[in-house]
Amino acid sequence: MMRIQRVTQTILAATLMSLSFVAFSSAASGKDVAVSETINTPELNAADNVPPRVKKKDLSSITVKSGEQLRTATHSVDYWFYDATVTLYNDRDYDGYYASFDLEFDADSTYYRTPVYAIVYLGTNDYYEAFHVTSVFNLYADSSDDSVLLESELVTGYPSNDYDILIELIDAQTDQVLATIDAYEDADLSYQSMESFDYDRPVTSEVVIETHGGSWGVWTSIIVVLTILLRRTSVRRLRPEN
């Protein structure tokens, strides 16, 4: 009986971990981004608990950084990003710039399990500003089932532009930067045409159509035509004969 109960709990935990969404809202320098995150966990590891975390980097404490600073930071050879993909949607004004995007990434490690979190940046001209810090999650070796999906909406503060995306993987116990991926390593993270909803405003035009209904419109047209004909006839009669 105990064994059956334990298996049931494990399956239930796997289902919850794969379907749970956590909503976040971030604001920095007048910029707002709403993010929902889904952290996937391999089914066999669904019952694992993330170790208690004393602190995690606060979004407001992360300053604007250059791409060179982020790329040249000391990284660990035991951690790397396997892939990252971006899907754009929500272009209400049809100008080719989107206000919503899905970012999914998968990181790998040589270790069986490591508690980590990610910092995600948007940038232009090789300068990046963080817009989201994920929850702490477990990274399982080179598993493809521990990916993270971020569904993001640019609410305010992002003018129409081609943005680059950069992701840092952080050790949740030491705050050490473990790995970085950006537009130089993955083309999916480069030149994403985006704008926030306050710039994504549909252009509306007012069209006025005048209509005349019933027999009144018909009789008005007939009267106008008869008046023109009568005037032409009068003019012909008044002309002197040569």
C-alpha atoms as a PDB file:
ATOM      1  CA  MET A   1       0.000   0.000   0.000  1.00  0.00           C
ATOM      2  CA  MET A   2       2.811   2.404   0.842  1.00  0.00           C
ATOM      3  CA  ARG A   3       4.534   1.701  -2.457  1.00  0.00           C
ATOM      4  CA  ILE A   4       1.375   2.369  -4.469  1.00  0.00           C
ATOM      5  CA  GLN A   5       0.816   5.628  -2.587  1.00  0.00           C
ATOM      6  CA  ARG A   6       4.390   6.759  -3.229  1.00  0.00           C
ATOM      7  CA  VAL A   7       4.108   6.068  -6.976  1.00  0.00           C
ATOM      8  CA  THR A   8       0.829   7.982  -7.083  1.00  0.00           C
ATOM      9  CA  GLN A   9       2.426  10.984  -5.376  1.00  0.00           C
ATOM     10  CA  THR A  10       5.325  10.931  -7.831  1.00  0.00           C
ATOM     11  CA  ILE A  11       3.043  10.874 -10.876  1.00  0.00           C
ATOM     12  CA  LEU A  12       0.920  13.673  -9.423  1.00  0.00           C
ATOM     13  CA  ALA A  13       4.006  15.783  -8.745  1.00  0.00           C
ATOM     14  CA  ALA A  14       5.215  15.258 -12.322  1.00  0.00           C
ATOM     15  CA  THR A  15       1.892  16.481 -13.680  1.00  0.00           C
ATOM     16  CA  LEU A  16       1.900  19.567 -11.484  1.00  0.00           C
ATOM     17  CA  MET A  17       5.468  20.498 -12.335  1.00  0.00           C
ATOM     18  CA  SER A  18       4.887  20.329 -16.062  1.00  0.00           C
ATOM     19  CA  LEU A  19       1.668  22.368 -16.016  1.00  0.00           C
ATOM     20  CA  SER A  20       2.290  24.977 -13.343  1.00  0.00           C
ATOM     21  CA  PHE A  21       2.528  28.625 -14.363  1.00  0.00           C
ATOM     22  CA  VAL A  22       3.965  31.344 -12.171  1.00  0.00           C
ATOM     23  CA  ALA A  23       3.074  34.927 -13.056  1.00  0.00           C
ATOM     24  CA  PHE A  24       5.542  37.743 -12.595  1.00  0.00           C
ATOM     25  CA  SER A  25       5.565  41.450 -13.328  1.00  0.00           C
ATOM     26  CA  SER A  26       8.783  43.394 -13.545  1.00  0.00           C
ATOM     27  CA  ALA A  27       9.431  47.099 -13.721  1.00  0.00           C
ATOM     28  CA  ALA A  28      12.717  48.887 -14.308  1.00  0.00           C
ATOM     29  CA  SER A  29      13.400  52.370 -15.686  1.00  0.00           C
ATOM     30  CA  GLY A  30       9.743  52.848 -16.592  1.00  0.00           C
ATOM     31  CA  LYS A  31       9.622  49.506 -18.372  1.00  0.00           C
ATOM     32  CA  ASP A  32       7.041  46.846 -17.543  1.00  0.00           C
ATOM     33  CA  VAL A  33       7.111  43.217 -18.633  1.00  0.00           C
ATOM     34  CA  ALA A  34       4.572  40.577 -17.578  1.00  0.00           C
ATOM     35  CA  VAL A  35       6.051  37.072 -17.542  1.00  0.00           C
ATOM     36  CA  SER A  36       4.515  33.644 -16.981  1.00  0.00           C
ATOM     37  CA  GLU A  37       7.022  30.841 -16.552  1.00  0.00           C
ATOM     38  CA  THR A  38       6.758  27.089 -16.905  1.00  0.00           C
ATOM     39  CA  ILE A  39       9.601  25.024 -15.468  1.00  0.00           C
ATOM     40  CA  ASN A  40       9.681  21.474 -16.790  1.00  0.00           C
ATOM     41  CA  THR A  41      11.083  18.596 -14.769  1.00  0.00           C
ATOM     42  CA  PRO A  42      11.914  15.047 -15.924  1.00  0.00           C
ATOM     43  CA  GLU A  43       9.184  12.695 -14.721  1.00  0.00           C
ATOM     44  CA  LEU A  44      11.614  10.535 -12.768  1.00  0.00           C
ATOM     45  CA  ASN A  45      12.836  13.608 -10.853  1.00  0.00           C
ATOM     46  CA  ALA A  46       9.477  15.246 -10.235  1.00  0.00           C
ATOM     47  CA  ALA A  47       9.539  14.443  -6.515  1.00  0.00           C
ATOM     48  CA  ASP A  48      12.876  16.218  -5.995  1.00  0.00           C
ATOM     49  CA  ASN A  49      12.719  19.392  -3.954  1.00  0.00           C
ATOM     50  CA  VAL A  50      14.595  22.554  -4.773  1.00  0.00           C
ATOM     51  CA  PRO A  51      16.869  23.272  -1.791  1.00  0.00           C
ATOM     52  CA  PRO A  52      15.873  26.258   0.346  1.00  0.00           C
ATOM     53  CA  ARG A  53      17.237  29.508  -0.998  1.00  0.00           C
ATOM     54  CA  VAL A  54      18.288  32.292   1.379  1.00  0.00           C
ATOM     55  CA  LYS A  55      18.385  34.987  -1.296  1.00  0.00           C
ATOM     56  CA  LYS A  56      18.277  35.486  -5.029  1.00  0.00           C
ATOM     57  CA  LYS A  57      19.327  38.464  -7.102  1.00  0.00           C
ATOM     58  CA  ASP A  58      16.613  41.083  -7.144  1.00  0.00           C
ATOM     59  CA  LEU A  59      15.707  42.461 -10.558  1.00  0.00           C
ATOM     60  CA  SER A  60      16.059  46.078  -9.422  1.00  0.00           C
ATOM     61  CA  SER A  61      19.654  45.441  -8.314  1.00  0.00           C
ATOM     62  CA  ILE A  62      20.833  44.334 -11.767  1.00  0.00           C
ATOM     63  CA  THR A  63      22.330  47.226 -13.723  1.00  0.00           C
ATOM     64  CA  VAL A  64      22.550  47.761 -17.467  1.00  0.00           C
ATOM     65  CA  LYS A  65      25.537  45.868 -18.830  1.00  0.00           C
ATOM     66  CA  SER A  66      27.383  45.718 -22.111  1.00  0.00           C
ATOM     67  CA  GLY A  67      27.419  42.539 -24.113  1.00  0.00           C
ATOM     68  CA  GLU A  68      31.183  42.383 -23.705  1.00  0.00           C
ATOM     69  CA  GLN A  69      30.854  42.445 -19.903  1.00  0.00           C
ATOM     70  CA  LEU A  70      28.354  39.614 -19.934  1.00  0.00           C
ATOM     71  CA  ARG A  71      30.176  37.468 -22.473  1.00  0.00           C
ATOM     72  CA  THR A  72      33.620  37.791 -20.891  1.00  0.00           C
ATOM     73  CA  ALA A  73      32.485  36.978 -17.341  1.00  0.00           C
ATOM     74  CA  THR A  74      34.058  33.864 -15.846  1.00  0.00           C
ATOM     75  CA  HIS A  75      31.966  30.816 -16.714  1.00  0.00           C
ATOM     76  CA  SER A  76      32.088  27.170 -15.716  1.00  0.00           C
ATOM     77  CA  VAL A  77      33.063  24.581 -18.325  1.00  0.00           C
ATOM     78  CA  ASP A  78      30.653  22.161 -16.641  1.00  0.00           C
ATOM     79  CA  TYR A  79      27.535  24.114 -17.673  1.00  0.00           C
ATOM     80  CA  TRP A  80      26.262  25.297 -21.049  1.00  0.00           C
ATOM     81  CA  PHE A  81      23.108  26.183 -22.970  1.00  0.00           C
ATOM     82  CA  TYR A  82      21.946  23.529 -25.397  1.00  0.00           C
ATOM     83  CA  ASP A  83      19.340  25.617 -27.243  1.00  0.00           C
ATOM     84  CA  ALA A  84      17.057  28.644 -27.117  1.00  0.00           C
ATOM     85  CA  THR A  85      14.058  29.467 -29.288  1.00  0.00           C
ATOM     86  CA  VAL A  86      11.874  32.567 -29.655  1.00  0.00           C
ATOM     87  CA  THR A  87       8.324  32.863 -30.998  1.00  0.00           C
ATOM     88  CA  LEU A  88       6.779  36.309 -31.576  1.00  0.00           C
ATOM     89  CA  TYR A  89       3.058  37.137 -31.577  1.00  0.00           C
ATOM     90  CA  ASN A  90       0.531  39.968 -30.961  1.00  0.00           C
ATOM     91  CA  ASP A  91       1.039  42.694 -33.560  1.00  0.00           C
ATOM     92  CA  ARG A  92      -2.153  44.743 -33.305  1.00  0.00           C
ATOM     93  CA  ASP A  93      -1.068  47.565 -35.609  1.00  0.00           C
ATOM     94  CA  TYR A  94       0.440  45.237 -38.247  1.00  0.00           C
ATOM     95  CA  ASP A  95       3.731  47.129 -38.430  1.00  0.00           C
ATOM     96  CA  GLY A  96       5.920  44.035 -38.100  1.00  0.00           C
ATOM     97  CA  TYR A  97       6.775  44.647 -34.415  1.00  0.00           C
ATOM     98  CA  TYR A  98       5.349  42.266 -31.817  1.00  0.00           C
ATOM     99  CA  ALA A  99       4.371  42.908 -28.191  1.00  0.00           C
ATOM    100  CA  SER A 100       4.446  39.293 -26.955  1.00  0.00           C
ATOM    101  CA  PHE A 101       6.977  36.513 -27.249  1.00  0.00           C
ATOM    102  CA  ASP A 102       7.709  33.023 -25.958  1.00  0.00           C
ATOM    103  CA  LEU A 103      11.283  32.214 -24.967  1.00  0.00           C
ATOM    104  CA  GLU A 104      12.206  28.604 -24.273  1.00  0.00           C
ATOM    105  CA  PHE A 105      15.694  27.498 -23.308  1.00  0.00           C
ATOM    106  CA  ASP A 106      17.415  24.313 -22.226  1.00  0.00           C
ATOM    107  CA  ALA A 107      20.702  24.222 -20.300  1.00  0.00           C
ATOM    108  CA  ASP A 108      22.883  21.201 -19.581  1.00  0.00           C
ATOM    109  CA  SER A 109      25.538  20.179 -17.084  1.00  0.00           C
ATOM    110  CA  THR A 110      28.037  17.448 -16.343  1.00  0.00           C
ATOM    111  CA  TYR A 111      26.505  17.091 -12.863  1.00  0.00           C
ATOM    112  CA  TYR A 112      23.470  15.007 -11.993  1.00  0.00           C
ATOM    113  CA  ARG A 113      21.534  17.839 -10.332  1.00  0.00           C
ATOM    114  CA  THR A 114      22.234  21.532  -9.716  1.00  0.00           C
ATOM    115  CA  PRO A 115      19.873  24.217  -8.336  1.00  0.00           C
ATOM    116  CA  VAL A 116      20.050  27.227 -10.653  1.00  0.00           C
ATOM    117  CA  TYR A 117      18.099  30.243 -11.852  1.00  0.00           C
ATOM    118  CA  ALA A 118      18.308  32.420 -14.954  1.00  0.00           C
ATOM    119  CA  ILE A 119      18.484  36.150 -15.605  1.00  0.00           C
ATOM    120  CA  VAL A 120      16.997  37.232 -18.942  1.00  0.00           C
ATOM    121  CA  TYR A 121      17.969  40.460 -20.705  1.00  0.00           C
ATOM    122  CA  LEU A 122      16.743  42.526 -23.658  1.00  0.00           C
ATOM    123  CA  GLY A 123      19.228  44.750 -25.443  1.00  0.00           C
ATOM    124  CA  THR A 124      20.016  47.018 -28.370  1.00  0.00           C
ATOM    125  CA  ASN A 125      23.401  48.163 -29.676  1.00  0.00           C
ATOM    126  CA  ASP A 126      25.049  45.497 -27.482  1.00  0.00           C
ATOM    127  CA  TYR A 127      23.759  46.969 -24.194  1.00  0.00           C
ATOM    128  CA  TYR A 128      21.432  44.804 -22.129  1.00  0.00           C
ATOM    129  CA  GLU A 129      18.864  45.432 -19.397  1.00  0.00           C
ATOM    130  CA  ALA A 130      17.439  42.579 -17.299  1.00  0.00           C
ATOM    131  CA  PHE A 131      13.660  42.149 -17.441  1.00  0.00           C
ATOM    132  CA  HIS A 132      13.151  38.863 -15.574  1.00  0.00           C
ATOM    133  CA  VAL A 133      14.752  36.641 -12.945  1.00  0.00           C
ATOM    134  CA  THR A 134      13.335  33.112 -12.957  1.00  0.00           C
ATOM    135  CA  SER A 135      12.451  30.949 -10.004  1.00  0.00           C
ATOM    136  CA  VAL A 136      15.106  28.567  -8.727  1.00  0.00           C
ATOM    137  CA  PHE A 137      14.909  25.201 -10.484  1.00  0.00           C
ATOM    138  CA  ASN A 138      16.931  22.003 -10.681  1.00  0.00           C
ATOM    139  CA  LEU A 139      19.136  21.376 -13.710  1.00  0.00           C
ATOM    140  CA  TYR A 140      19.516  17.664 -14.507  1.00  0.00           C
ATOM    141  CA  ALA A 141      22.698  16.777 -16.420  1.00  0.00           C
ATOM    142  CA  ASP A 142      22.020  16.774 -20.174  1.00  0.00           C
ATOM    143  CA  SER A 143      18.290  16.045 -19.929  1.00  0.00           C
ATOM    144  CA  SER A 144      16.077  17.614 -22.587  1.00  0.00           C
ATOM    145  CA  ASP A 145      13.073  17.510 -20.233  1.00  0.00           C
ATOM    146  CA  ASP A 146      14.188  20.299 -17.885  1.00  0.00           C
ATOM    147  CA  SER A 147      13.611  23.251 -20.204  1.00  0.00           C
ATOM    148  CA  VAL A 148      12.149  26.594 -19.098  1.00  0.00           C
ATOM    149  CA  LEU A 149       9.402  28.421 -21.006  1.00  0.00           C
ATOM    150  CA  LEU A 150       8.843  32.152 -20.456  1.00  0.00           C
ATOM    151  CA  GLU A 151       5.711  33.695 -21.962  1.00  0.00           C
ATOM    152  CA  SER A 152       6.330  37.434 -21.926  1.00  0.00           C
ATOM    153  CA  GLU A 153       4.310  40.539 -22.723  1.00  0.00           C
ATOM    154  CA  LEU A 154       6.044  43.889 -23.151  1.00  0.00           C
ATOM    155  CA  VAL A 155       3.568  46.152 -21.379  1.00  0.00           C
ATOM    156  CA  THR A 156       5.226  49.593 -21.439  1.00  0.00           C
ATOM    157  CA  GLY A 157       8.524  51.309 -22.147  1.00  0.00           C
ATOM    158  CA  TYR A 158       9.844  49.430 -25.185  1.00  0.00           C
ATOM    159  CA  PRO A 159       9.760  51.454 -28.439  1.00  0.00           C
ATOM    160  CA  SER A 160       9.695  49.693 -31.804  1.00  0.00           C
ATOM    161  CA  ASN A 161      13.136  48.181 -32.359  1.00  0.00           C
ATOM    162  CA  ASP A 162      15.072  45.025 -33.170  1.00  0.00           C
ATOM    163  CA  TYR A 163      16.045  43.582 -29.780  1.00  0.00           C
ATOM    164  CA  ASP A 164      18.659  40.996 -28.864  1.00  0.00           C
ATOM    165  CA  ILE A 165      18.082  38.533 -26.012  1.00  0.00           C
ATOM    166  CA  LEU A 166      20.735  37.354 -23.562  1.00  0.00           C
ATOM    167  CA  ILE A 167      20.362  34.690 -20.847  1.00  0.00           C
ATOM    168  CA  GLU A 168      22.613  34.073 -17.846  1.00  0.00           C
ATOM    169  CA  LEU A 169      22.526  30.796 -15.917  1.00  0.00           C
ATOM    170  CA  ILE A 170      23.286  31.393 -12.217  1.00  0.00           C
ATOM    171  CA  ASP A 171      24.247  28.934  -9.472  1.00  0.00           C
ATOM    172  CA  ALA A 172      21.460  29.279  -6.882  1.00  0.00           C
ATOM    173  CA  GLN A 173      23.815  28.502  -3.987  1.00  0.00           C
ATOM    174  CA  THR A 174      26.816  30.689  -4.861  1.00  0.00           C
ATOM    175  CA  ASP A 175      25.413  33.290  -7.320  1.00  0.00           C
ATOM    176  CA  GLN A 176      28.243  32.380  -9.696  1.00  0.00           C
ATOM    177  CA  VAL A 177      27.536  32.845 -13.406  1.00  0.00           C
ATOM    178  CA  LEU A 178      27.668  29.350 -14.881  1.00  0.00           C
ATOM    179  CA  ALA A 179      26.876  29.970 -18.562  1.00  0.00           C
ATOM    180  CA  THR A 180      25.665  32.646 -20.970  1.00  0.00           C
ATOM    181  CA  ILE A 181      23.910  32.507 -24.326  1.00  0.00           C
ATOM    182  CA  ASP A 182      23.213  35.456 -26.632  1.00  0.00           C
ATOM    183  CA  ALA A 183      22.762  36.491 -30.254  1.00  0.00           C
ATOM    184  CA  TYR A 184      26.396  35.689 -31.046  1.00  0.00           C
ATOM    185  CA  GLU A 185      25.849  32.032 -30.150  1.00  0.00           C
ATOM    186  CA  ASP A 186      22.250  31.520 -31.258  1.00  0.00           C
ATOM    187  CA  ALA A 187      20.658  33.419 -34.153  1.00  0.00           C
ATOM    188  CA  ASP A 188      17.204  32.907 -32.623  1.00  0.00           C
ATOM    189  CA  LEU A 189      18.150  35.465 -29.974  1.00  0.00           C
ATOM    190  CA  SER A 190      19.106  38.223 -32.421  1.00  0.00           C
ATOM    191  CA  TYR A 191      17.157  41.069 -34.028  1.00  0.00           C
ATOM    192  CA  GLN A 192      13.718  40.234 -32.705  1.00  0.00           C
ATOM    193  CA  SER A 193      11.295  42.920 -33.928  1.00  0.00           C
ATOM    194  CA  MET A 194       9.354  43.947 -30.831  1.00  0.00           C
ATOM    195  CA  GLU A 195       7.560  46.846 -29.153  1.00  0.00           C
ATOM    196  CA  SER A 196       5.521  47.211 -25.976  1.00  0.00           C
ATOM    197  CA  PHE A 197       1.735  47.479 -26.003  1.00  0.00           C
ATOM    198  CA  ASP A 198       1.850  51.256 -25.507  1.00  0.00           C
ATOM    199  CA  TYR A 199       3.551  51.488 -28.930  1.00  0.00           C
ATOM    200  CA  ASP A 200       1.442  48.747 -30.529  1.00  0.00           C
ATOM    201  CA  ARG A 201      -1.630  50.850 -31.241  1.00  0.00           C
ATOM    202  CA  PRO A 202      -3.874  49.997 -34.198  1.00  0.00           C
ATOM    203  CA  VAL A 203      -4.428  52.904 -36.610  1.00  0.00           C
ATOM    204  CA  THR A 204      -8.141  53.635 -36.956  1.00  0.00           C
ATOM    205  CA  SER A 205      -9.756  55.747 -39.677  1.00  0.00           C
ATOM    206  CA  GLU A 206     -13.280  57.154 -39.704  1.00  0.00           C
ATOM    207  CA  VAL A 207     -15.362  56.477 -42.805  1.00  0.00           C
ATOM    208  CA  VAL A 208     -18.588  58.469 -43.288  1.00  0.00           C
ATOM    209  CA  ILE A 209     -21.161  57.076 -45.722  1.00  0.00           C
ATOM    210  CA  GLU A 210     -24.153  59.261 -46.577  1.00  0.00           C
ATOM    211  CA  THR A 211     -27.290  57.487 -47.730  1.00  0.00           C
ATOM    212  CA  HIS A 212     -30.703  58.711 -48.858  1.00  0.00           C
ATOM    213  CA  GLY A 213     -33.476  56.224 -48.452  1.00  0.00           C
ATOM    214  CA  GLY A 214     -37.022  55.738 -49.737  1.00  0.00           C
ATOM    215  CA  SER A 215     -38.856  57.548 -52.542  1.00  0.00           C
ATOM    216  CA  TRP A 216     -37.641  60.953 -51.383  1.00  0.00           C
ATOM    217  CA  GLY A 217     -34.179  60.340 -52.813  1.00  0.00           C
ATOM    218  CA  VAL A 218     -35.623  59.189 -56.148  1.00  0.00           C
ATOM    219  CA  TRP A 219     -37.940  62.207 -56.534  1.00  0.00           C
ATOM    220  CA  THR A 220     -35.116  64.571 -55.605  1.00  0.00           C
ATOM    221  CA  SER A 221     -32.963  63.152 -58.404  1.00  0.00           C
ATOM    222  CA  ILE A 222     -35.824  63.466 -60.925  1.00  0.00           C
ATOM    223  CA  ILE A 223     -36.465  67.099 -59.969  1.00  0.00           C
ATOM    224  CA  VAL A 224     -32.782  67.979 -60.378  1.00  0.00           C
ATOM    225  CA  VAL A 225     -32.652  66.381 -63.838  1.00  0.00           C
ATOM    226  CA  LEU A 226     -35.871  68.144 -64.988  1.00  0.00           C
ATOM    227  CA  THR A 227     -34.566  71.490 -63.748  1.00  0.00           C
ATOM    228  CA  ILE A 228     -31.389  71.108 -65.804  1.00  0.00           C
ATOM    229  CA  LEU A 229     -33.363  70.153 -68.942  1.00  0.00           C
ATOM    230  CA  LEU A 230     -35.752  73.105 -68.559  1.00  0.00           C
ATOM    231  CA  ARG A 231     -32.852  75.534 -68.217  1.00  0.00           C
ATOM    232  CA  ARG A 232     -31.201  74.208 -71.364  1.00  0.00           C
ATOM    233  CA  THR A 233     -34.500  74.548 -73.290  1.00  0.00           C
ATOM    234  CA  SER A 234     -34.980  78.138 -72.092  1.00  0.00           C
ATOM    235  CA  VAL A 235     -31.470  79.097 -73.117  1.00  0.00           C
ATOM    236  CA  ARG A 236     -31.979  77.709 -76.633  1.00  0.00           C
ATOM    237  CA  ARG A 237     -35.243  79.673 -77.103  1.00  0.00           C
ATOM    238  CA  LEU A 238     -33.672  82.942 -76.028  1.00  0.00           C
ATOM    239  CA  ARG A 239     -30.723  82.709 -78.461  1.00  0.00           C
ATOM    240  CA  PRO A 240     -31.162  85.031 -81.509  1.00  0.00           C
ATOM    241  CA  GLU A 241     -31.352  83.373 -84.898  1.00  0.00           C
ATOM    242  CA  ASN A 242     -28.519  84.139 -87.377  1.00  0.00           C
END
